[in-house]
Amino acid sequence: MLEEFKKFALRGNVVDLAVGVIIGAAFGTIVASLVGDIIMPIIGAVTGGLDFSNYFIALSSNINASAYVDAKKQGAVLGYGQFLSVTLNFIIVAFVLFLVIRAMVKLQKQEEEKFEREMADKRATWLAEQKSYEEGLKKERSREEEEYGYQKTLRLKREKDAFEEEKRVWEREMHDKKQLHAEQAAELADLRKTAAQFPVELDKAIKTAVAEAVAEEKKDSQIRQNFAKQEWDAKQQLSALKITSLEQTVKGQAGEIVELKRQLEKAMQQVKDIEVAARQWLQRLLGRELQADEEVTVLVFPPHFAPSPSAR
């Protein structure tokens, strides 16, 4: 509950209302003092001290008082003077309030105009800044668009150059292929032409080859005959040479054989003589006769290996 009361008491409209009531009461006192102490005395002095509050109409014959307050006590009266006085007070208070409020409105209007001028200045400044920002943004965007356009143009140019290069390469390859195809077509036409002429050329070639073969055969037959004759003559000459060589060799070997026989007979005789001498030497050495069945081994040395007489 305390919290709810705190929220109620501290609400903005309640506080504003309280402040308004207090200020209104104080301002009412100021207005009453202004009317009663300043304005009414001036009006009284102008009108010769008239007091409208004491003007009334008696509704009874018993009323003889001159003051409105005393007449009310005596009986029924119609106090139009009091009404005029209150109305005049109201008109004066309303006029004073009008002047005060007018002054306050003028002051507030001046403040509002000042605030509006400040806001207008701020708005103009903001609009100028906004315009400057937008112009800068437009310039930046324009620069970016130009840069993008330049980059795009450069990229398109590069792509176009690459495409042109590829196109040139492709056209060159196509030209080479067409040229190669034309050459192959020409070769094919030549081959077809050659193939069309092939049977005739083949017949000619066969006839020419047969004629050449026959001629070569005849030539080879003659050459073989000549070669066979030359070979036969060479074999005969070789045989004659071999026979002659063999006869000479046989003759030489026969002489050598005769000489070898003579030397062998001489060597056998020398061996026999050596054996006899060796038996005699052994008999002398042993001091007895050697039997006929005792063998004596005789070493025969070549002349350059023969032992010296001292060794013998």
Foldseek 3Di string as FASTA:
>chain_A
DVVVVVCVCPDPVNVVVVVVVVVVVVVVVVLCCCVPVPVVVVVCVVVVNDQLQQDKAQPDPQADDRRPVVSVVRHDIGRVSNVVVVVVSVVSSVVVVVVVVVVVVVVVVVVVVVVVVVVVVVVVVVVVVVVVVVVVVVVVVVVVVVVVVVVVVVVVVVVVVVVVVVVVVVVVVVVVVVVVVVVVVVVVVVVVVCVVCVVVVVVVVVVVVVVVVVVVVVVVVVVVVVVVVVVVVVVVVVVVVVVVVVVVVVVVVVVVVVVVVVVVVVVVVVVVVVQVVVQVVVCVVVVHHDDPPDDDDDDDDDPVPDDDPVVD
